[in-house]
Structure formats: structure tokens, C-alpha cells
Amino acid sequence: MKLKNILLVVKDIQKAKQYYRDVFGLEVILDQGQTIILTEGLVLQEEAYWKEFLQKEVVSKHHSCELYFEEVQINEFVQKLTELYSETEFVTPLMELEWGQKLVRFYDLDGNLMEVRTPM
């Protein structure tokens, strides 16, 4: 068995597509309208379509999972994030762990939890 993709539900797929390009540098591989596949295996799906398919409500800021990214230039990343998306809600500020690794956690536009750390 092979894990192919991770899917995130988003309210506005065009805004989310731009956000993931701006913030993480992800590009579109396949655009099917209500579903978009990005590089790195990330799939975005429009909330209305997801709710119709599952017949369940979407719960944002649920804290049961996160997307994890690594970035060498994390200070510059946080600066870029706050300049491009000043409304970003940080869960943990940029911090340094006792072993020297830096990290920051925040929500994307739709309340999905993101973590960015420097590589080990």
C-alpha cells in the first residue's frame, strides 16, 4: 500500500490555491474545479463539495492533525507569511527548542493547522 495524497477541505478553492502557492511554493498539478492537486501530494477540495459528498459538517481548528513543513530560512518565512497574510492566526509563536530547532505553528485560511520547523 502507498499513501498518495493528503486532502484539505477549503472554503474558497481559488484563495486556497493562491495561499499555498504564496506561502509554501506549491504548484498546481491538476485542477478539476472543486478539487485541485498540488505538488508534494497536497489536495484541496471545496467545502461545499466535501459536505455534499460526506453529508457531514466540516470542523476547522480541530487540532487532531497538522501539515508539517521544513524551512531552513524560518525567520524569513515567518516575515513573508505575516506580510502576505497579516490575518494569520498563530498557534505557537516562532520559538527555539532546547536542541536548537526552531518552529512555528499557525492556521491556514480555513483553520487547518500548519507547522514549519527548521531541519534537524
PDB file of N, CA and C in Angstrom:
ATOM      1  N   MET A   1       0.836  -1.167   0.000  1.00  0.00           N
ATOM      2  CA  MET A   1       0.000   0.000   0.000  1.00  0.00           C
ATOM      3  C   MET A   1       0.891   1.243   0.000  1.00  0.00           C
ATOM      4  N   LYS A   2       0.377   2.304  -0.620  1.00  0.00           N
ATOM      5  CA  LYS A   2       1.151   3.528  -0.757  1.00  0.00           C
ATOM      6  C   LYS A   2       0.247   4.729  -0.484  1.00  0.00           C
ATOM      7  N   LEU A   3       0.672   5.625   0.399  1.00  0.00           N
ATOM      8  CA  LEU A   3      -0.061   6.860   0.628  1.00  0.00           C
ATOM      9  C   LEU A   3       0.155   7.772  -0.568  1.00  0.00           C
ATOM     10  N   LYS A   4      -0.928   8.201  -1.189  1.00  0.00           N
ATOM     11  CA  LYS A   4      -0.824   9.025  -2.390  1.00  0.00           C
ATOM     12  C   LYS A   4      -0.962  10.513  -2.109  1.00  0.00           C
ATOM     13  N   ASN A   5      -1.957  10.895  -1.310  1.00  0.00           N
ATOM     14  CA  ASN A   5      -2.237  12.311  -1.126  1.00  0.00           C
ATOM     15  C   ASN A   5      -2.764  12.592   0.276  1.00  0.00           C
ATOM     16  N   ILE A   6      -2.704  13.855   0.646  1.00  0.00           N
ATOM     17  CA  ILE A   6      -3.352  14.393   1.829  1.00  0.00           C
ATOM     18  C   ILE A   6      -4.354  15.422   1.313  1.00  0.00           C
ATOM     19  N   LEU A   7      -5.609  15.359   1.779  1.00  0.00           N
ATOM     20  CA  LEU A   7      -6.651  16.251   1.310  1.00  0.00           C
ATOM     21  C   LEU A   7      -7.046  17.221   2.410  1.00  0.00           C
ATOM     22  N   LEU A   8      -7.130  18.496   2.064  1.00  0.00           N
ATOM     23  CA  LEU A   8      -7.620  19.527   2.965  1.00  0.00           C
ATOM     24  C   LEU A   8      -8.893  20.126   2.381  1.00  0.00           C
ATOM     25  N   VAL A   9      -9.863  20.354   3.241  1.00  0.00           N
ATOM     26  CA  VAL A   9     -11.107  20.994   2.839  1.00  0.00           C
ATOM     27  C   VAL A   9     -10.934  22.501   3.001  1.00  0.00           C
ATOM     28  N   VAL A  10     -11.343  23.245   1.979  1.00  0.00           N
ATOM     29  CA  VAL A  10     -11.191  24.700   1.980  1.00  0.00           C
ATOM     30  C   VAL A  10     -12.494  25.367   1.563  1.00  0.00           C
ATOM     31  N   LYS A  11     -12.731  26.558   2.081  1.00  0.00           N
ATOM     32  CA  LYS A  11     -13.968  27.276   1.764  1.00  0.00           C
ATOM     33  C   LYS A  11     -13.947  27.852   0.347  1.00  0.00           C
ATOM     34  N   ASP A  12     -12.836  28.429  -0.032  1.00  0.00           N
ATOM     35  CA  ASP A  12     -12.698  29.067  -1.344  1.00  0.00           C
ATOM     36  C   ASP A  12     -11.454  28.487  -2.014  1.00  0.00           C
ATOM     37  N   ILE A  13     -11.661  27.631  -2.967  1.00  0.00           N
ATOM     38  CA  ILE A  13     -10.552  26.882  -3.561  1.00  0.00           C
ATOM     39  C   ILE A  13      -9.565  27.789  -4.294  1.00  0.00           C
ATOM     40  N   GLN A  14     -10.034  28.874  -4.900  1.00  0.00           N
ATOM     41  CA  GLN A  14      -9.124  29.773  -5.604  1.00  0.00           C
ATOM     42  C   GLN A  14      -8.227  30.534  -4.621  1.00  0.00           C
ATOM     43  N   LYS A  15      -8.804  30.995  -3.513  1.00  0.00           N
ATOM     44  CA  LYS A  15      -7.994  31.660  -2.483  1.00  0.00           C
ATOM     45  C   LYS A  15      -6.992  30.689  -1.877  1.00  0.00           C
ATOM     46  N   ALA A  16      -7.439  29.459  -1.614  1.00  0.00           N
ATOM     47  CA  ALA A  16      -6.548  28.452  -1.029  1.00  0.00           C
ATOM     48  C   ALA A  16      -5.416  28.096  -1.980  1.00  0.00           C
ATOM     49  N   LYS A  17      -5.729  27.977  -3.262  1.00  0.00           N
ATOM     50  CA  LYS A  17      -4.699  27.679  -4.266  1.00  0.00           C
ATOM     51  C   LYS A  17      -3.625  28.771  -4.262  1.00  0.00           C
ATOM     52  N   GLN A  18      -4.045  30.021  -4.213  1.00  0.00           N
ATOM     53  CA  GLN A  18      -3.104  31.146  -4.173  1.00  0.00           C
ATOM     54  C   GLN A  18      -2.307  31.132  -2.868  1.00  0.00           C
ATOM     55  N   TYR A  19      -2.975  30.856  -1.762  1.00  0.00           N
ATOM     56  CA  TYR A  19      -2.321  30.816  -0.449  1.00  0.00           C
ATOM     57  C   TYR A  19      -1.206  29.780  -0.427  1.00  0.00           C
ATOM     58  N   TYR A  20      -1.492  28.574  -0.890  1.00  0.00           N
ATOM     59  CA  TYR A  20      -0.482  27.517  -0.845  1.00  0.00           C
ATOM     60  C   TYR A  20       0.658  27.769  -1.834  1.00  0.00           C
ATOM     61  N   ARG A  21       0.399  28.523  -2.883  1.00  0.00           N
ATOM     62  CA  ARG A  21       1.475  28.941  -3.788  1.00  0.00           C
ATOM     63  C   ARG A  21       2.322  30.012  -3.108  1.00  0.00           C
ATOM     64  N   ASP A  22       1.656  31.024  -2.553  1.00  0.00           N
ATOM     65  CA  ASP A  22       2.368  32.137  -1.908  1.00  0.00           C
ATOM     66  C   ASP A  22       3.193  31.690  -0.710  1.00  0.00           C
ATOM     67  N   VAL A  23       2.590  30.895   0.160  1.00  0.00           N
ATOM     68  CA  VAL A  23       3.208  30.568   1.443  1.00  0.00           C
ATOM     69  C   VAL A  23       4.197  29.415   1.334  1.00  0.00           C
ATOM     70  N   PHE A  24       3.836  28.354   0.625  1.00  0.00           N
ATOM     71  CA  PHE A  24       4.649  27.143   0.598  1.00  0.00           C
ATOM     72  C   PHE A  24       5.291  26.844  -0.753  1.00  0.00           C
ATOM     73  N   GLY A  25       4.974  27.644  -1.769  1.00  0.00           N
ATOM     74  CA  GLY A  25       5.564  27.430  -3.086  1.00  0.00           C
ATOM     75  C   GLY A  25       4.995  26.227  -3.828  1.00  0.00           C
ATOM     76  N   LEU A  26       3.818  25.750  -3.452  1.00  0.00           N
ATOM     77  CA  LEU A  26       3.217  24.592  -4.119  1.00  0.00           C
ATOM     78  C   LEU A  26       2.542  25.032  -5.422  1.00  0.00           C
ATOM     79  N   GLU A  27       2.661  24.201  -6.420  1.00  0.00           N
ATOM     80  CA  GLU A  27       2.092  24.498  -7.741  1.00  0.00           C
ATOM     81  C   GLU A  27       0.996  23.501  -8.090  1.00  0.00           C
ATOM     82  N   VAL A  28       0.115  23.899  -8.977  1.00  0.00           N
ATOM     83  CA  VAL A  28      -0.995  23.056  -9.408  1.00  0.00           C
ATOM     84  C   VAL A  28      -0.495  21.981 -10.362  1.00  0.00           C
ATOM     85  N   ILE A  29      -0.856  20.736 -10.059  1.00  0.00           N
ATOM     86  CA  ILE A  29      -0.595  19.613 -10.961  1.00  0.00           C
ATOM     87  C   ILE A  29      -1.836  19.324 -11.788  1.00  0.00           C
ATOM     88  N   LEU A  30      -3.005  19.342 -11.117  1.00  0.00           N
ATOM     89  CA  LEU A  30      -4.272  19.047 -11.785  1.00  0.00           C
ATOM     90  C   LEU A  30      -5.366  19.881 -11.149  1.00  0.00           C
ATOM     91  N   ASP A  31      -6.126  20.607 -11.971  1.00  0.00           N
ATOM     92  CA  ASP A  31      -7.233  21.433 -11.493  1.00  0.00           C
ATOM     93  C   ASP A  31      -8.524  20.868 -12.058  1.00  0.00           C
ATOM     94  N   GLN A  32      -9.355  20.304 -11.167  1.00  0.00           N
ATOM     95  CA  GLN A  32     -10.637  19.735 -11.583  1.00  0.00           C
ATOM     96  C   GLN A  32     -11.800  20.591 -11.092  1.00  0.00           C
ATOM     97  N   GLY A  33     -11.548  21.857 -10.862  1.00  0.00           N
ATOM     98  CA  GLY A  33     -12.597  22.762 -10.412  1.00  0.00           C
ATOM     99  C   GLY A  33     -12.766  22.739  -8.904  1.00  0.00           C
ATOM    100  N   GLN A  34     -13.524  21.780  -8.393  1.00  0.00           N
ATOM    101  CA  GLN A  34     -13.763  21.689  -6.952  1.00  0.00           C
ATOM    102  C   GLN A  34     -12.677  20.905  -6.224  1.00  0.00           C
ATOM    103  N   THR A  35     -11.773  20.316  -6.977  1.00  0.00           N
ATOM    104  CA  THR A  35     -10.646  19.572  -6.412  1.00  0.00           C
ATOM    105  C   THR A  35      -9.387  19.961  -7.174  1.00  0.00           C
ATOM    106  N   ILE A  36      -8.337  20.296  -6.427  1.00  0.00           N
ATOM    107  CA  ILE A  36      -7.070  20.688  -7.040  1.00  0.00           C
ATOM    108  C   ILE A  36      -5.952  19.877  -6.399  1.00  0.00           C
ATOM    109  N   ILE A  37      -5.115  19.275  -7.230  1.00  0.00           N
ATOM    110  CA  ILE A  37      -3.948  18.551  -6.737  1.00  0.00           C
ATOM    111  C   ILE A  37      -2.730  19.450  -6.903  1.00  0.00           C
ATOM    112  N   LEU A  38      -1.997  19.630  -5.800  1.00  0.00           N
ATOM    113  CA  LEU A  38      -0.800  20.454  -5.797  1.00  0.00           C
ATOM    114  C   LEU A  38       0.441  19.574  -5.696  1.00  0.00           C
ATOM    115  N   THR A  39       1.589  20.166  -5.959  1.00  0.00           N
ATOM    116  CA  THR A  39       2.848  19.455  -5.765  1.00  0.00           C
ATOM    117  C   THR A  39       2.948  19.018  -4.306  1.00  0.00           C
ATOM    118  N   GLU A  40       3.824  18.073  -4.042  1.00  0.00           N
ATOM    119  CA  GLU A  40       4.039  17.492  -2.718  1.00  0.00           C
ATOM    120  C   GLU A  40       2.868  16.621  -2.265  1.00  0.00           C
ATOM    121  N   GLY A  41       1.904  16.357  -3.156  1.00  0.00           N
ATOM    122  CA  GLY A  41       0.811  15.448  -2.827  1.00  0.00           C
ATOM    123  C   GLY A  41      -0.343  16.068  -2.066  1.00  0.00           C
ATOM    124  N   LEU A  42      -0.404  17.383  -1.991  1.00  0.00           N
ATOM    125  CA  LEU A  42      -1.494  18.038  -1.277  1.00  0.00           C
ATOM    126  C   LEU A  42      -2.680  18.243  -2.213  1.00  0.00           C
ATOM    127  N   VAL A  43      -3.869  17.870  -1.739  1.00  0.00           N
ATOM    128  CA  VAL A  43      -5.102  18.039  -2.495  1.00  0.00           C
ATOM    129  C   VAL A  43      -5.989  19.012  -1.741  1.00  0.00           C
ATOM    130  N   LEU A  44      -6.539  19.971  -2.450  1.00  0.00           N
ATOM    131  CA  LEU A  44      -7.510  20.907  -1.894  1.00  0.00           C
ATOM    132  C   LEU A  44      -8.873  20.563  -2.467  1.00  0.00           C
ATOM    133  N   GLN A  45      -9.885  20.557  -1.600  1.00  0.00           N
ATOM    134  CA  GLN A  45     -11.236  20.289  -2.080  1.00  0.00           C
ATOM    135  C   GLN A  45     -12.197  21.301  -1.470  1.00  0.00           C
ATOM    136  N   GLU A  46     -13.068  21.830  -2.310  1.00  0.00           N
ATOM    137  CA  GLU A  46     -14.030  22.844  -1.895  1.00  0.00           C
ATOM    138  C   GLU A  46     -14.992  22.282  -0.846  1.00  0.00           C
ATOM    139  N   GLU A  47     -15.212  23.074   0.210  1.00  0.00           N
ATOM    140  CA  GLU A  47     -16.030  22.630   1.341  1.00  0.00           C
ATOM    141  C   GLU A  47     -17.439  22.189   0.928  1.00  0.00           C
ATOM    142  N   ALA A  48     -18.085  22.937   0.060  1.00  0.00           N
ATOM    143  CA  ALA A  48     -19.451  22.591  -0.345  1.00  0.00           C
ATOM    144  C   ALA A  48     -19.502  21.199  -0.981  1.00  0.00           C
ATOM    145  N   TYR A  49     -18.529  20.894  -1.812  1.00  0.00           N
ATOM    146  CA  TYR A  49     -18.461  19.586  -2.470  1.00  0.00           C
ATOM    147  C   TYR A  49     -18.208  18.484  -1.438  1.00  0.00           C
ATOM    148  N   TRP A  50     -17.292  18.735  -0.510  1.00  0.00           N
ATOM    149  CA  TRP A  50     -16.958  17.773   0.546  1.00  0.00           C
ATOM    150  C   TRP A  50     -18.183  17.466   1.408  1.00  0.00           C
ATOM    151  N   LYS A  51     -18.902  18.515   1.816  1.00  0.00           N
ATOM    152  CA  LYS A  51     -20.082  18.343   2.661  1.00  0.00           C
ATOM    153  C   LYS A  51     -21.174  17.570   1.924  1.00  0.00           C
ATOM    154  N   GLU A  52     -21.352  17.858   0.649  1.00  0.00           N
ATOM    155  CA  GLU A  52     -22.350  17.154  -0.153  1.00  0.00           C
ATOM    156  C   GLU A  52     -22.009  15.670  -0.258  1.00  0.00           C
ATOM    157  N   PHE A  53     -20.746  15.379  -0.447  1.00  0.00           N
ATOM    158  CA  PHE A  53     -20.279  14.004  -0.613  1.00  0.00           C
ATOM    159  C   PHE A  53     -20.377  13.219   0.686  1.00  0.00           C
ATOM    160  N   LEU A  54     -19.927  13.813   1.802  1.00  0.00           N
ATOM    161  CA  LEU A  54     -19.888  13.106   3.087  1.00  0.00           C
ATOM    162  C   LEU A  54     -21.159  13.226   3.915  1.00  0.00           C
ATOM    163  N   GLN A  55     -21.935  14.264   3.641  1.00  0.00           N
ATOM    164  CA  GLN A  55     -23.112  14.550   4.473  1.00  0.00           C
ATOM    165  C   GLN A  55     -22.713  14.782   5.933  1.00  0.00           C
ATOM    166  N   LYS A  56     -21.601  15.459   6.143  1.00  0.00           N
ATOM    167  CA  LYS A  56     -21.084  15.794   7.469  1.00  0.00           C
ATOM    168  C   LYS A  56     -20.630  17.246   7.459  1.00  0.00           C
ATOM    169  N   GLU A  57     -20.662  17.876   8.621  1.00  0.00           N
ATOM    170  CA  GLU A  57     -20.156  19.235   8.756  1.00  0.00           C
ATOM    171  C   GLU A  57     -18.629  19.225   8.848  1.00  0.00           C
ATOM    172  N   VAL A  58     -18.026  20.273   8.365  1.00  0.00           N
ATOM    173  CA  VAL A  58     -16.576  20.440   8.438  1.00  0.00           C
ATOM    174  C   VAL A  58     -16.242  21.153   9.751  1.00  0.00           C
ATOM    175  N   VAL A  59     -15.250  20.637  10.468  1.00  0.00           N
ATOM    176  CA  VAL A  59     -14.828  21.224  11.734  1.00  0.00           C
ATOM    177  C   VAL A  59     -13.410  21.751  11.561  1.00  0.00           C
ATOM    178  N   SER A  60     -13.266  23.072  11.589  1.00  0.00           N
ATOM    179  CA  SER A  60     -11.917  23.651  11.478  1.00  0.00           C
ATOM    180  C   SER A  60     -11.331  23.838  12.866  1.00  0.00           C
ATOM    181  N   LYS A  61     -10.030  24.075  12.911  1.00  0.00           N
ATOM    182  CA  LYS A  61      -9.290  24.256  14.165  1.00  0.00           C
ATOM    183  C   LYS A  61      -9.539  23.094  15.125  1.00  0.00           C
ATOM    184  N   HIS A  62      -9.489  21.882  14.607  1.00  0.00           N
ATOM    185  CA  HIS A  62      -9.791  20.704  15.419  1.00  0.00           C
ATOM    186  C   HIS A  62      -8.571  20.132  16.130  1.00  0.00           C
ATOM    187  N   HIS A  63      -7.383  20.510  15.772  1.00  0.00           N
ATOM    188  CA  HIS A  63      -6.139  20.142  16.459  1.00  0.00           C
ATOM    189  C   HIS A  63      -5.853  18.653  16.512  1.00  0.00           C
ATOM    190  N   SER A  64      -6.410  17.877  15.619  1.00  0.00           N
ATOM    191  CA  SER A  64      -6.119  16.444  15.647  1.00  0.00           C
ATOM    192  C   SER A  64      -5.090  16.034  14.603  1.00  0.00           C
ATOM    193  N   CYS A  65      -4.679  16.969  13.757  1.00  0.00           N
ATOM    194  CA  CYS A  65      -3.616  16.699  12.792  1.00  0.00           C
ATOM    195  C   CYS A  65      -3.058  18.039  12.311  1.00  0.00           C
ATOM    196  N   GLU A  66      -1.919  17.964  11.642  1.00  0.00           N
ATOM    197  CA  GLU A  66      -1.312  19.166  11.079  1.00  0.00           C
ATOM    198  C   GLU A  66      -0.523  18.783   9.841  1.00  0.00           C
ATOM    199  N   LEU A  67      -0.258  19.767   9.005  1.00  0.00           N
ATOM    200  CA  LEU A  67       0.694  19.588   7.921  1.00  0.00           C
ATOM    201  C   LEU A  67       2.032  20.103   8.420  1.00  0.00           C
ATOM    202  N   TYR A  68       3.092  19.353   8.151  1.00  0.00           N
ATOM    203  CA  TYR A  68       4.422  19.669   8.653  1.00  0.00           C
ATOM    204  C   TYR A  68       5.341  19.969   7.474  1.00  0.00           C
ATOM    205  N   PHE A  69       5.979  21.127   7.536  1.00  0.00           N
ATOM    206  CA  PHE A  69       6.927  21.553   6.516  1.00  0.00           C
ATOM    207  C   PHE A  69       8.259  21.868   7.186  1.00  0.00           C
ATOM    208  N   GLU A  70       9.331  21.790   6.422  1.00  0.00           N
ATOM    209  CA  GLU A  70      10.645  22.218   6.911  1.00  0.00           C
ATOM    210  C   GLU A  70      11.146  23.369   6.051  1.00  0.00           C
ATOM    211  N   GLU A  71      11.779  24.326   6.713  1.00  0.00           N
ATOM    212  CA  GLU A  71      12.300  25.512   6.034  1.00  0.00           C
ATOM    213  C   GLU A  71      13.574  25.958   6.739  1.00  0.00           C
ATOM    214  N   VAL A  72      14.653  26.055   5.992  1.00  0.00           N
ATOM    215  CA  VAL A  72      15.929  26.481   6.557  1.00  0.00           C
ATOM    216  C   VAL A  72      15.851  27.937   7.021  1.00  0.00           C
ATOM    217  N   GLN A  73      15.303  28.793   6.190  1.00  0.00           N
ATOM    218  CA  GLN A  73      15.214  30.235   6.482  1.00  0.00           C
ATOM    219  C   GLN A  73      13.883  30.550   7.176  1.00  0.00           C
ATOM    220  N   ILE A  74      13.692  30.040   8.367  1.00  0.00           N
ATOM    221  CA  ILE A  74      12.385  30.145   9.033  1.00  0.00           C
ATOM    222  C   ILE A  74      12.039  31.574   9.455  1.00  0.00           C
ATOM    223  N   ASN A  75      13.018  32.366   9.852  1.00  0.00           N
ATOM    224  CA  ASN A  75      12.730  33.761  10.213  1.00  0.00           C
ATOM    225  C   ASN A  75      12.169  34.516   9.015  1.00  0.00           C
ATOM    226  N   GLU A  76      12.789  34.334   7.857  1.00  0.00           N
ATOM    227  CA  GLU A  76      12.313  34.976   6.631  1.00  0.00           C
ATOM    228  C   GLU A  76      10.945  34.441   6.230  1.00  0.00           C
ATOM    229  N   PHE A  77      10.726  33.135   6.456  1.00  0.00           N
ATOM    230  CA  PHE A  77       9.422  32.539   6.148  1.00  0.00           C
ATOM    231  C   PHE A  77       8.320  33.205   6.965  1.00  0.00           C
ATOM    232  N   VAL A  78       8.534  33.348   8.267  1.00  0.00           N
ATOM    233  CA  VAL A  78       7.521  33.955   9.141  1.00  0.00           C
ATOM    234  C   VAL A  78       7.270  35.406   8.737  1.00  0.00           C
ATOM    235  N   GLN A  79       8.327  36.122   8.379  1.00  0.00           N
ATOM    236  CA  GLN A  79       8.173  37.505   7.925  1.00  0.00           C
ATOM    237  C   GLN A  79       7.331  37.556   6.653  1.00  0.00           C
ATOM    238  N   LYS A  80       7.632  36.685   5.690  1.00  0.00           N
ATOM    239  CA  LYS A  80       6.864  36.640   4.443  1.00  0.00           C
ATOM    240  C   LYS A  80       5.397  36.300   4.714  1.00  0.00           C
ATOM    241  N   LEU A  81       5.169  35.314   5.576  1.00  0.00           N
ATOM    242  CA  LEU A  81       3.806  34.903   5.912  1.00  0.00           C
ATOM    243  C   LEU A  81       3.009  36.062   6.484  1.00  0.00           C
ATOM    244  N   THR A  82       3.587  36.795   7.428  1.00  0.00           N
ATOM    245  CA  THR A  82       2.860  37.899   8.050  1.00  0.00           C
ATOM    246  C   THR A  82       2.691  39.097   7.116  1.00  0.00           C
ATOM    247  N   GLU A  83       3.627  39.272   6.194  1.00  0.00           N
ATOM    248  CA  GLU A  83       3.476  40.351   5.212  1.00  0.00           C
ATOM    249  C   GLU A  83       2.385  40.029   4.202  1.00  0.00           C
ATOM    250  N   LEU A  84       2.346  38.792   3.719  1.00  0.00           N
ATOM    251  CA  LEU A  84       1.361  38.397   2.710  1.00  0.00           C
ATOM    252  C   LEU A  84      -0.024  38.146   3.303  1.00  0.00           C
ATOM    253  N   TYR A  85      -0.064  37.599   4.504  1.00  0.00           N
ATOM    254  CA  TYR A  85      -1.316  37.212   5.150  1.00  0.00           C
ATOM    255  C   TYR A  85      -1.296  37.696   6.598  1.00  0.00           C
ATOM    256  N   SER A  86      -1.496  39.001   6.769  1.00  0.00           N
ATOM    257  CA  SER A  86      -1.416  39.617   8.096  1.00  0.00           C
ATOM    258  C   SER A  86      -2.452  39.073   9.062  1.00  0.00           C
ATOM    259  N   GLU A  87      -3.521  38.478   8.540  1.00  0.00           N
ATOM    260  CA  GLU A  87      -4.578  37.925   9.387  1.00  0.00           C
ATOM    261  C   GLU A  87      -4.234  36.540   9.936  1.00  0.00           C
ATOM    262  N   THR A  88      -3.042  36.034   9.641  1.00  0.00           N
ATOM    263  CA  THR A  88      -2.631  34.709  10.105  1.00  0.00           C
ATOM    264  C   THR A  88      -2.773  34.598  11.615  1.00  0.00           C
ATOM    265  N   GLU A  89      -3.420  33.517  12.041  1.00  0.00           N
ATOM    266  CA  GLU A  89      -3.570  33.235  13.470  1.00  0.00           C
ATOM    267  C   GLU A  89      -2.506  32.220  13.877  1.00  0.00           C
ATOM    268  N   PHE A  90      -1.593  32.657  14.720  1.00  0.00           N
ATOM    269  CA  PHE A  90      -0.519  31.786  15.184  1.00  0.00           C
ATOM    270  C   PHE A  90      -0.984  30.979  16.385  1.00  0.00           C
ATOM    271  N   VAL A  91      -0.659  29.685  16.373  1.00  0.00           N
ATOM    272  CA  VAL A  91      -0.973  28.795  17.487  1.00  0.00           C
ATOM    273  C   VAL A  91       0.195  28.796  18.465  1.00  0.00           C
ATOM    274  N   THR A  92       1.406  28.745  17.931  1.00  0.00           N
ATOM    275  CA  THR A  92       2.610  28.941  18.729  1.00  0.00           C
ATOM    276  C   THR A  92       3.468  29.947  17.976  1.00  0.00           C
ATOM    277  N   PRO A  93       4.056  30.884  18.681  1.00  0.00           N
ATOM    278  CA  PRO A  93       4.929  31.844  18.001  1.00  0.00           C
ATOM    279  C   PRO A  93       6.206  31.141  17.549  1.00  0.00           C
ATOM    280  N   LEU A  94       6.971  31.841  16.738  1.00  0.00           N
ATOM    281  CA  LEU A  94       8.281  31.321  16.364  1.00  0.00           C
ATOM    282  C   LEU A  94       9.077  31.123  17.642  1.00  0.00           C
ATOM    283  N   MET A  95       9.557  29.906  17.842  1.00  0.00           N
ATOM    284  CA  MET A  95      10.272  29.584  19.074  1.00  0.00           C
ATOM    285  C   MET A  95      11.436  28.660  18.769  1.00  0.00           C
ATOM    286  N   GLU A  96      12.378  28.627  19.686  1.00  0.00           N
ATOM    287  CA  GLU A  96      13.519  27.728  19.534  1.00  0.00           C
ATOM    288  C   GLU A  96      13.453  26.672  20.624  1.00  0.00           C
ATOM    289  N   LEU A  97      13.548  25.407  20.220  1.00  0.00           N
ATOM    290  CA  LEU A  97      13.531  24.299  21.156  1.00  0.00           C
ATOM    291  C   LEU A  97      14.910  24.140  21.792  1.00  0.00           C
ATOM    292  N   GLU A  98      14.978  23.428  22.886  1.00  0.00           N
ATOM    293  CA  GLU A  98      16.238  23.326  23.643  1.00  0.00           C
ATOM    294  C   GLU A  98      17.380  22.734  22.836  1.00  0.00           C
ATOM    295  N   TRP A  99      17.092  21.948  21.802  1.00  0.00           N
ATOM    296  CA  TRP A  99      18.151  21.362  20.980  1.00  0.00           C
ATOM    297  C   TRP A  99      18.489  22.217  19.765  1.00  0.00           C
ATOM    298  N   GLY A 100      17.877  23.421  19.677  1.00  0.00           N
ATOM    299  CA  GLY A 100      18.254  24.374  18.643  1.00  0.00           C
ATOM    300  C   GLY A 100      17.327  24.448  17.441  1.00  0.00           C
ATOM    301  N   GLN A 101      16.416  23.525  17.321  1.00  0.00           N
ATOM    302  CA  GLN A 101      15.473  23.553  16.194  1.00  0.00           C
ATOM    303  C   GLN A 101      14.418  24.628  16.445  1.00  0.00           C
ATOM    304  N   LYS A 102      14.081  25.391  15.402  1.00  0.00           N
ATOM    305  CA  LYS A 102      13.050  26.429  15.511  1.00  0.00           C
ATOM    306  C   LYS A 102      11.755  25.922  14.895  1.00  0.00           C
ATOM    307  N   LEU A 103      10.623  26.426  15.414  1.00  0.00           N
ATOM    308  CA  LEU A 103       9.321  26.038  14.866  1.00  0.00           C
ATOM    309  C   LEU A 103       8.304  27.137  15.068  1.00  0.00           C
ATOM    310  N   VAL A 104       7.266  27.085  14.244  1.00  0.00           N
ATOM    311  CA  VAL A 104       6.111  27.970  14.350  1.00  0.00           C
ATOM    312  C   VAL A 104       4.888  27.157  13.918  1.00  0.00           C
ATOM    313  N   ARG A 105       3.763  27.397  14.575  1.00  0.00           N
ATOM    314  CA  ARG A 105       2.501  26.751  14.190  1.00  0.00           C
ATOM    315  C   ARG A 105       1.459  27.834  13.969  1.00  0.00           C
ATOM    316  N   PHE A 106       0.612  27.616  12.953  1.00  0.00           N
ATOM    317  CA  PHE A 106      -0.417  28.591  12.609  1.00  0.00           C
ATOM    318  C   PHE A 106      -1.523  27.898  11.827  1.00  0.00           C
ATOM    319  N   TYR A 107      -2.647  28.585  11.692  1.00  0.00           N
ATOM    320  CA  TYR A 107      -3.747  28.078  10.873  1.00  0.00           C
ATOM    321  C   TYR A 107      -3.646  28.655   9.468  1.00  0.00           C
ATOM    322  N   ASP A 108      -4.020  27.847   8.487  1.00  0.00           N
ATOM    323  CA  ASP A 108      -4.169  28.380   7.136  1.00  0.00           C
ATOM    324  C   ASP A 108      -5.474  29.175   7.074  1.00  0.00           C
ATOM    325  N   LEU A 109      -5.881  29.588   5.897  1.00  0.00           N
ATOM    326  CA  LEU A 109      -7.084  30.404   5.747  1.00  0.00           C
ATOM    327  C   LEU A 109      -8.345  29.702   6.235  1.00  0.00           C
ATOM    328  N   ASP A 110      -8.320  28.378   6.308  1.00  0.00           N
ATOM    329  CA  ASP A 110      -9.511  27.590   6.638  1.00  0.00           C
ATOM    330  C   ASP A 110      -9.424  26.880   7.980  1.00  0.00           C
ATOM    331  N   GLY A 111      -8.450  27.245   8.793  1.00  0.00           N
ATOM    332  CA  GLY A 111      -8.346  26.656  10.118  1.00  0.00           C
ATOM    333  C   GLY A 111      -7.642  25.315  10.158  1.00  0.00           C
ATOM    334  N   ASN A 112      -6.917  24.967   9.090  1.00  0.00           N
ATOM    335  CA  ASN A 112      -6.092  23.763   9.100  1.00  0.00           C
ATOM    336  C   ASN A 112      -4.761  24.103   9.764  1.00  0.00           C
ATOM    337  N   LEU A 113      -4.304  23.241  10.662  1.00  0.00           N
ATOM    338  CA  LEU A 113      -3.101  23.509  11.436  1.00  0.00           C
ATOM    339  C   LEU A 113      -1.849  23.218  10.612  1.00  0.00           C
ATOM    340  N   MET A 114      -0.934  24.172  10.601  1.00  0.00           N
ATOM    341  CA  MET A 114       0.326  24.070   9.875  1.00  0.00           C
ATOM    342  C   MET A 114       1.473  24.172  10.875  1.00  0.00           C
ATOM    343  N   GLU A 115       2.538  23.431  10.620  1.00  0.00           N
ATOM    344  CA  GLU A 115       3.759  23.568  11.408  1.00  0.00           C
ATOM    345  C   GLU A 115       4.929  23.688  10.444  1.00  0.00           C
ATOM    346  N   VAL A 116       5.798  24.630  10.727  1.00  0.00           N
ATOM    347  CA  VAL A 116       7.028  24.785   9.953  1.00  0.00           C
ATOM    348  C   VAL A 116       8.181  24.751  10.948  1.00  0.00           C
ATOM    349  N   ARG A 117       9.173  23.910  10.663  1.00  0.00           N
ATOM    350  CA  ARG A 117      10.365  23.794  11.507  1.00  0.00           C
ATOM    351  C   ARG A 117      11.608  23.886  10.632  1.00  0.00           C
ATOM    352  N   THR A 118      12.692  24.222  11.297  1.00  0.00           N
ATOM    353  CA  THR A 118      13.981  24.112  10.627  1.00  0.00           C
ATOM    354  C   THR A 118      14.353  22.639  10.605  1.00  0.00           C
ATOM    355  N   PRO A 119      15.106  22.204   9.593  1.00  0.00           N
ATOM    356  CA  PRO A 119      15.526  20.794   9.543  1.00  0.00           C
ATOM    357  C   PRO A 119      16.426  20.454  10.718  1.00  0.00           C
ATOM    358  N   MET A 120      16.462  19.187  11.057  1.00  0.00           N
ATOM    359  CA  MET A 120      17.342  18.712  12.138  1.00  0.00           C
ATOM    360  C   MET A 120      18.745  18.586  11.606  1.00  0.00           C
TER     361      MET A 120
END
